Structures are given as structure tokens and as C-alpha cells.
Amino acid sequence: QSKENPSKRQTTSTLHLPTDLEAMVTADSDHPAPFVWLLFILSPITFLLLTVITDAPFGKLYYPRSIWGPSLPPRVAWALFESPNLVWCIWSLIHRRPEVLGKGTSLALNANSILLIAFVAHYVNRSVLYPMRMSRNSKKVPLAVAASGFSFCALNGYIQTSALCIYHPFHPSHHTTPQFIAGMILFLIGMAVNIHSDSILRRLRDKGGAGGGGYQIPRGGLFEYVSCANLSGELLEWTGFALAGWPSHAPLAFAVYSFANLVPRALSQHSWYLEKFEEYPKGRKAVVPFLL
């Protein structure tokens, strides 16, 4: 009787999934889950929708229209549609695999836990801290926009947190590689830019300004180079997240969708600034310094 290959036996044990979830996702990054593919497919659709058909009508691009449904208070809307990310994080932690994140109440220090902490930090800011700090002059958010944001976060929150907690264990030394370190540095820089830019915009909304219907030209930080520094920071975050998380396809799908969603919005806001302010700096780009 031939002996079983020990390495094969260990791999089989490590990648075993609960039978009720096995059909939905896989731990093998060479075969992305159907939900990950869905995110890739939605990216060009979203890009075309926002560039050809309509702008997302919230923030400075907000305009009341019956087709968008009733409008929600901005703080309520932001907290609502960003919240699925944190809900899925809790669910994924409860159902985590010990070989991915460790046993008990403590997390193992590895690529999975570091990426999970980065993801949670971003959405604690976006769904809790950011709404709390929003200016009272912030415009309402149409129900249709809040619903679409909620749907995306429900899908993407599941994809990212389940991949990190259950389905994609990275190599034990992945978090020490130059690729991972470079990705996390980009993520942290992007998050800092995003938060700093949001604070600049918030102060401008508090002050008001007659030139743009309550808006002013943002200055300082990355705003000296782009009109939408807050979106630039977020794109940099998820680019770094995808780099650090490769070869998992889940972070890459998130980064691709972020560009498909945020770049059209940045271009629309850039055009809005140029139309509203005659003195707007002509050398500024929309979202990528010196390029776009």
C-alpha cells in the first residue's frame, strides 16, 4: 500500500471549506469567487453609467429629482450605506478559520490580519467618524444613491472580509515582502490624504461662500494639484491595498471598481469647479496630479 504524500495531505486540510460555503468561494486565488468576478463585471458597467448616462447626484452634484426618490439627511445616508462593511467584518471574524487568523480572541500577526485592520480602519472612519464630523451645510443624499452605495458595500464588504478571514490565507511571510510593505505604505499615505482632504472640504462648507452656491475653491495639500484630493487619496488607498493583497483577486477587484466609480465622479466635479469659478486654477487636474 502506497503512502499518502504528506504535503498533499496538509494542503487538503488547510484549504478545506465548510460544505455550505464551498460552492460560493474558494481559497485558491487562481480561481476567483463568483462574487469577485461580479465586481470585475460591474466595473465597466458603472464607469459607462457615470460617464455616459448620468452623474451620481450627491454632494456638489446634488439636484432633487423624483426619479432618485426622497432625500436622506447626509449623516444618516453615509452611516447607512457604508455600514455593511463593518457588519461583514464582524460576521467574518466570528466565522474565521483558525489557520488564517489564529484562535481565540487574539489575531495572528500576518498579512491577513494587517489587511483586515486596514480595511476596518478605513470604514470606521467612513461610516462612523466621517458622518459625525460632517458639516451641517452638507447636502442631502437621494435614496437611490444611498441604496446603490449600500448594495455595493454589502457585496464588497463580504468579498473583502471573507477573503481575509476565511478563504485566502496568505503565505506566513507575505507581510514581510517588499510588495506587501510598499502596498501598505501607499495605503497609509492614501488614507492620510483622504482624511486631510475631507477636513479641508469640511471647513470650507462650514464657512460657506457665495461664489459657488455655498462652495469655495479648496486649497492646501493635494488640492494644489487636483480638484478631488479626497478621491485621489481613496484611490491611492485601494491601489496599495490591491498591491499588498496580491495574488488574492479580491483586493484587485475592489481597486478596479473604485477607479470605475470615483474617476468619473472626479471628472464631473472638476468640470463643475471650472464652470462655477472663473478664477479656478487652470493647471489643476481632476484626480491624478499632472495626468488626469
Protein backbone atom coordinates (compact mmCIF):
# COMPACT_ATOMS: atom_id res chain seq x y z
CA GLN A 1 0.00 0.00 0.00
CA SER A 2 1.44 3.36 -1.10
CA LYS A 3 1.87 6.10 1.47
CA GLU A 4 0.00 9.37 1.08
CA ASN A 5 2.09 12.39 0.21
CA PRO A 6 2.38 14.44 3.48
CA SER A 7 2.46 17.79 1.68
CA LYS A 8 -0.65 16.89 -0.27
CA ARG A 9 -2.41 15.81 2.93
CA GLN A 10 -1.50 19.09 4.65
CA THR A 11 -2.73 21.20 1.72
CA THR A 12 -6.02 19.36 1.63
CA SER A 13 -6.57 20.04 5.32
CA THR A 14 -5.58 23.69 5.08
CA LEU A 15 -7.87 24.51 2.17
CA HIS A 16 -10.91 22.59 3.39
CA LEU A 17 -14.06 24.74 3.46
CA PRO A 18 -17.46 24.27 5.05
CA THR A 19 -19.62 22.42 2.53
CA ASP A 20 -22.39 25.05 2.56
CA LEU A 21 -19.94 27.80 1.52
CA GLU A 22 -17.57 25.80 -0.67
CA ALA A 23 -19.69 26.35 -3.76
CA MET A 24 -19.64 30.13 -3.37
CA VAL A 25 -15.94 30.87 -2.95
CA THR A 26 -12.57 29.20 -3.00
CA ALA A 27 -9.31 29.74 -1.18
CA ASP A 28 -7.35 29.28 -4.42
CA SER A 29 -6.53 32.75 -5.77
CA ASP A 30 -6.20 31.30 -9.29
CA HIS A 31 -9.94 30.67 -9.31
CA PRO A 32 -11.67 33.85 -8.04
CA ALA A 33 -15.04 33.53 -6.39
CA PRO A 34 -18.16 34.32 -8.43
CA PHE A 35 -18.70 37.42 -6.31
CA VAL A 36 -15.22 38.68 -7.19
CA TRP A 37 -15.93 38.18 -10.88
CA LEU A 38 -19.18 40.06 -10.39
CA LEU A 39 -17.25 43.03 -9.05
CA PHE A 40 -14.97 42.96 -12.11
CA ILE A 41 -18.01 42.82 -14.41
CA LEU A 42 -19.75 45.70 -12.62
CA SER A 43 -16.71 47.96 -13.02
CA PRO A 44 -17.04 48.83 -16.72
CA ILE A 45 -20.84 48.99 -16.37
CA THR A 46 -20.51 51.52 -13.55
CA PHE A 47 -17.91 53.52 -15.46
CA LEU A 48 -20.14 53.78 -18.54
CA LEU A 49 -23.19 54.61 -16.45
CA LEU A 50 -21.42 57.50 -14.72
CA THR A 51 -19.71 58.86 -17.82
CA VAL A 52 -22.38 58.42 -20.49
CA ILE A 53 -25.76 58.37 -18.75
CA THR A 54 -25.69 60.35 -15.50
CA ASP A 55 -23.57 61.74 -12.67
CA ALA A 56 -24.14 60.42 -9.18
CA PRO A 57 -26.42 63.19 -7.82
CA PHE A 58 -24.99 63.90 -4.37
CA GLY A 59 -22.60 66.39 -2.82
CA LYS A 60 -21.94 69.39 -5.06
CA LEU A 61 -23.60 67.49 -7.94
CA TYR A 62 -26.85 67.05 -5.98
CA TYR A 63 -30.12 68.06 -7.58
CA PRO A 64 -33.59 66.99 -6.45
CA ARG A 65 -35.42 64.78 -8.91
CA SER A 66 -38.31 62.40 -8.40
CA ILE A 67 -36.54 59.52 -10.14
CA TRP A 68 -33.93 59.41 -7.34
CA GLY A 69 -36.57 59.07 -4.63
CA PRO A 70 -36.71 61.03 -1.37
CA SER A 71 -33.54 62.56 0.01
CA LEU A 72 -31.94 61.46 3.28
CA PRO A 73 -30.01 63.55 5.80
CA PRO A 74 -26.34 63.27 4.80
CA ARG A 75 -25.11 61.88 8.11
CA VAL A 76 -27.77 59.18 8.13
CA ALA A 77 -27.13 58.30 4.49
CA TRP A 78 -23.36 57.97 4.86
CA ALA A 79 -23.56 55.90 8.02
CA LEU A 80 -26.22 53.70 6.44
CA PHE A 81 -24.63 52.82 3.14
CA GLU A 82 -21.09 52.36 4.49
CA SER A 83 -22.20 50.19 7.44
CA PRO A 84 -22.36 46.75 5.70
CA ASN A 85 -18.56 46.70 5.59
CA LEU A 86 -18.32 46.65 9.38
CA VAL A 87 -21.21 44.19 9.72
CA TRP A 88 -19.48 41.76 7.36
CA CYS A 89 -16.23 42.24 9.26
CA ILE A 90 -17.89 41.09 12.48
CA TRP A 91 -19.50 38.13 10.69
CA SER A 92 -16.24 37.10 9.06
CA LEU A 93 -14.32 37.33 12.32
CA ILE A 94 -16.88 35.12 14.02
CA HIS A 95 -16.58 32.55 11.21
CA ARG A 96 -12.83 32.92 10.67
CA ARG A 97 -10.62 29.91 10.09
CA PRO A 98 -8.01 29.44 12.84
CA GLU A 99 -5.25 28.72 10.31
CA VAL A 100 -5.92 32.11 8.67
CA LEU A 101 -6.26 34.49 11.62
CA GLY A 102 -5.46 32.45 14.70
CA LYS A 103 -7.56 31.01 17.51
CA GLY A 104 -9.28 32.58 20.48
CA THR A 105 -9.70 36.32 20.96
CA SER A 106 -6.28 37.36 19.59
CA LEU A 107 -5.38 37.72 15.93
CA ALA A 108 -2.26 36.26 14.40
CA LEU A 109 0.18 38.87 13.09
CA ASN A 110 0.20 38.12 9.39
CA ALA A 111 -0.83 39.62 6.05
CA ASN A 112 -4.47 38.66 6.57
CA SER A 113 -4.82 40.43 9.91
CA ILE A 114 -2.91 43.54 8.79
CA LEU A 115 -5.06 43.94 5.67
CA LEU A 116 -8.20 43.35 7.71
CA ILE A 117 -7.19 46.04 10.21
CA ALA A 118 -6.52 48.46 7.33
CA PHE A 119 -9.93 47.72 5.80
CA VAL A 120 -11.70 48.18 9.14
CA ALA A 121 -9.81 51.39 9.91
CA HIS A 122 -10.95 52.92 6.63
CA TYR A 123 -14.59 52.05 7.20
CA VAL A 124 -14.66 53.04 10.85
CA ASN A 125 -13.63 56.44 9.55
CA ARG A 126 -16.12 56.45 6.65
CA SER A 127 -19.18 55.02 8.41
CA VAL A 128 -18.71 56.40 11.94
CA LEU A 129 -16.21 59.25 12.24
CA TYR A 130 -16.80 60.94 8.89
CA PRO A 131 -20.60 61.25 9.32
CA MET A 132 -20.13 62.57 12.84
CA ARG A 133 -17.78 65.31 11.57
CA MET A 134 -19.84 66.26 8.52
CA SER A 135 -20.67 69.92 8.07
CA ARG A 136 -24.23 71.00 8.78
CA ASN A 137 -24.17 72.55 5.32
CA SER A 138 -23.66 69.19 3.62
CA LYS A 139 -26.31 68.43 1.04
CA LYS A 140 -28.84 65.62 1.30
CA VAL A 141 -28.33 62.26 -0.38
CA PRO A 142 -31.05 60.81 -2.66
CA LEU A 143 -32.41 57.44 -1.59
CA ALA A 144 -31.35 55.86 -4.90
CA VAL A 145 -27.72 56.86 -4.29
CA ALA A 146 -27.79 55.61 -0.70
CA ALA A 147 -29.37 52.32 -1.84
CA SER A 148 -26.77 51.77 -4.56
CA GLY A 149 -23.96 52.56 -2.11
CA PHE A 150 -25.44 50.16 0.43
CA SER A 151 -25.69 47.41 -2.21
CA PHE A 152 -22.08 47.85 -3.26
CA CYS A 153 -20.81 47.86 0.33
CA ALA A 154 -22.88 44.76 1.12
CA LEU A 155 -21.26 42.94 -1.81
CA ASN A 156 -17.73 44.26 -1.43
CA GLY A 157 -17.72 44.07 2.36
CA TYR A 158 -18.48 40.35 2.14
CA ILE A 159 -15.85 39.78 -0.56
CA GLN A 160 -13.01 41.54 1.25
CA THR A 161 -13.62 40.41 4.82
CA SER A 162 -14.45 36.79 3.98
CA ALA A 163 -11.37 36.55 1.77
CA LEU A 164 -9.18 37.85 4.60
CA CYS A 165 -10.78 35.85 7.40
CA ILE A 166 -11.78 32.61 5.69
CA TYR A 167 -10.91 31.93 2.09
CA HIS A 168 -7.50 33.30 1.21
CA PRO A 169 -4.68 32.56 3.66
CA PHE A 170 -1.52 34.30 2.55
CA HIS A 171 1.92 32.78 2.89
CA PRO A 172 3.08 33.15 6.52
CA SER A 173 5.87 35.52 5.47
CA HIS A 174 3.87 37.53 2.94
CA HIS A 175 3.64 40.53 5.29
CA THR A 176 7.44 40.85 5.28
CA THR A 177 7.81 41.06 1.50
CA PRO A 178 8.72 44.34 -0.27
CA GLN A 179 5.48 44.07 -2.25
CA PHE A 180 3.33 43.99 0.87
CA ILE A 181 5.28 46.73 2.66
CA ALA A 182 5.12 49.01 -0.39
CA GLY A 183 1.38 48.39 -0.70
CA MET A 184 0.72 49.23 2.93
CA ILE A 185 2.80 52.42 2.70
CA LEU A 186 0.66 53.51 -0.27
CA PHE A 187 -2.48 52.64 1.69
CA LEU A 188 -1.44 54.70 4.71
CA ILE A 189 -0.42 57.69 2.58
CA GLY A 190 -3.73 57.48 0.73
CA MET A 191 -5.72 57.31 3.95
CA ALA A 192 -3.86 60.33 5.34
CA VAL A 193 -4.55 62.29 2.13
CA ASN A 194 -8.21 61.27 2.20
CA ILE A 195 -8.76 62.34 5.81
CA HIS A 196 -6.79 65.58 5.44
CA SER A 197 -8.64 66.50 2.24
CA ASP A 198 -12.01 65.77 3.84
CA SER A 199 -11.12 68.12 6.68
CA ILE A 200 -10.29 70.91 4.20
CA LEU A 201 -13.62 70.44 2.43
CA ARG A 202 -15.50 70.32 5.72
CA ARG A 203 -14.03 73.65 6.85
CA LEU A 204 -14.98 75.23 3.53
CA ARG A 205 -18.57 74.01 3.84
CA ASP A 206 -18.76 75.41 7.37
CA LYS A 207 -17.59 78.81 6.12
CA GLY A 208 -19.86 78.81 3.08
CA GLY A 209 -19.17 81.04 0.13
CA ALA A 210 -21.26 82.93 -2.38
CA GLY A 211 -19.09 82.14 -5.39
CA GLY A 212 -20.23 78.57 -5.85
CA GLY A 213 -23.60 78.41 -4.14
CA GLY A 214 -22.06 77.80 -0.72
CA TYR A 215 -18.83 76.29 -2.06
CA GLN A 216 -15.32 77.70 -2.29
CA ILE A 217 -12.17 76.73 -4.14
CA PRO A 218 -10.32 74.19 -1.99
CA ARG A 219 -6.67 74.94 -1.35
CA GLY A 220 -3.86 73.26 0.52
CA GLY A 221 -2.46 69.75 0.50
CA LEU A 222 -3.07 67.75 -2.66
CA PHE A 223 -5.77 70.25 -3.67
CA GLU A 224 -2.98 72.38 -5.10
CA TYR A 225 -2.64 69.74 -7.83
CA VAL A 226 -6.09 68.13 -8.21
CA SER A 227 -9.71 69.15 -7.74
CA CYS A 228 -10.69 65.97 -5.87
CA ALA A 229 -7.84 65.27 -3.48
CA ASN A 230 -10.17 63.29 -1.21
CA LEU A 231 -10.92 60.88 -4.06
CA SER A 232 -7.23 60.76 -5.02
CA GLY A 233 -6.43 59.63 -1.50
CA GLU A 234 -9.05 56.91 -1.60
CA LEU A 235 -7.83 55.62 -4.96
CA LEU A 236 -4.29 55.51 -3.59
CA GLU A 237 -5.55 53.57 -0.57
CA TRP A 238 -7.13 50.80 -2.62
CA THR A 239 -4.25 50.68 -5.08
CA GLY A 240 -1.94 49.99 -2.16
CA PHE A 241 -4.45 47.52 -0.70
CA ALA A 242 -4.50 45.61 -4.00
CA LEU A 243 -0.71 45.60 -4.23
CA ALA A 244 -0.30 44.36 -0.66
CA GLY A 245 -3.05 41.76 -1.15
CA TRP A 246 -1.85 40.26 -4.41
CA PRO A 247 -2.14 37.40 -5.51
CA SER A 248 -5.64 37.49 -3.99
CA HIS A 249 -8.05 38.79 -6.63
CA ALA A 250 -10.47 40.30 -4.10
CA PRO A 251 -8.45 43.47 -3.32
CA LEU A 252 -7.69 43.92 -7.02
CA ALA A 253 -11.40 43.76 -7.87
CA PHE A 254 -12.05 46.44 -5.24
CA ALA A 255 -9.35 48.71 -6.65
CA VAL A 256 -10.63 48.31 -10.21
CA TYR A 257 -14.19 49.12 -9.16
CA SER A 258 -13.01 52.13 -7.13
CA PHE A 259 -11.40 53.62 -10.25
CA ALA A 260 -14.52 52.89 -12.30
CA ASN A 261 -16.69 54.63 -9.71
CA LEU A 262 -14.53 57.51 -8.48
CA VAL A 263 -12.74 58.69 -11.63
CA PRO A 264 -15.98 59.69 -13.44
CA ARG A 265 -17.11 61.49 -10.30
CA ALA A 266 -13.80 63.32 -10.06
CA LEU A 267 -14.05 64.41 -13.70
CA SER A 268 -17.59 65.69 -13.14
CA GLN A 269 -16.58 67.63 -10.04
CA HIS A 270 -13.58 69.08 -11.86
CA SER A 271 -15.85 70.34 -14.64
CA TRP A 272 -18.19 71.76 -12.01
CA TYR A 273 -15.37 73.78 -10.43
CA LEU A 274 -14.27 75.14 -13.80
CA GLU A 275 -17.81 76.25 -14.60
CA LYS A 276 -18.53 77.82 -11.19
CA PHE A 277 -15.29 79.70 -10.63
CA GLU A 278 -13.74 81.84 -13.35
CA GLU A 279 -10.57 82.16 -11.27
CA TYR A 280 -10.24 78.40 -10.77
CA PRO A 281 -6.59 77.27 -11.23
CA LYS A 282 -6.32 76.06 -14.82
CA GLY A 283 -3.33 73.86 -14.12
CA ARG A 284 -5.15 71.58 -11.72
CA LYS A 285 -6.11 68.12 -12.86
CA ALA A 286 -9.17 66.21 -11.69
CA VAL A 287 -7.78 63.32 -9.65
CA VAL A 288 -4.25 62.31 -10.72
CA PRO A 289 -1.64 65.09 -10.40
CA PHE A 290 -0.26 66.24 -13.77
CA LEU A 291 -2.09 63.48 -15.68
CA LEU A 292 -5.87 63.27 -15.27
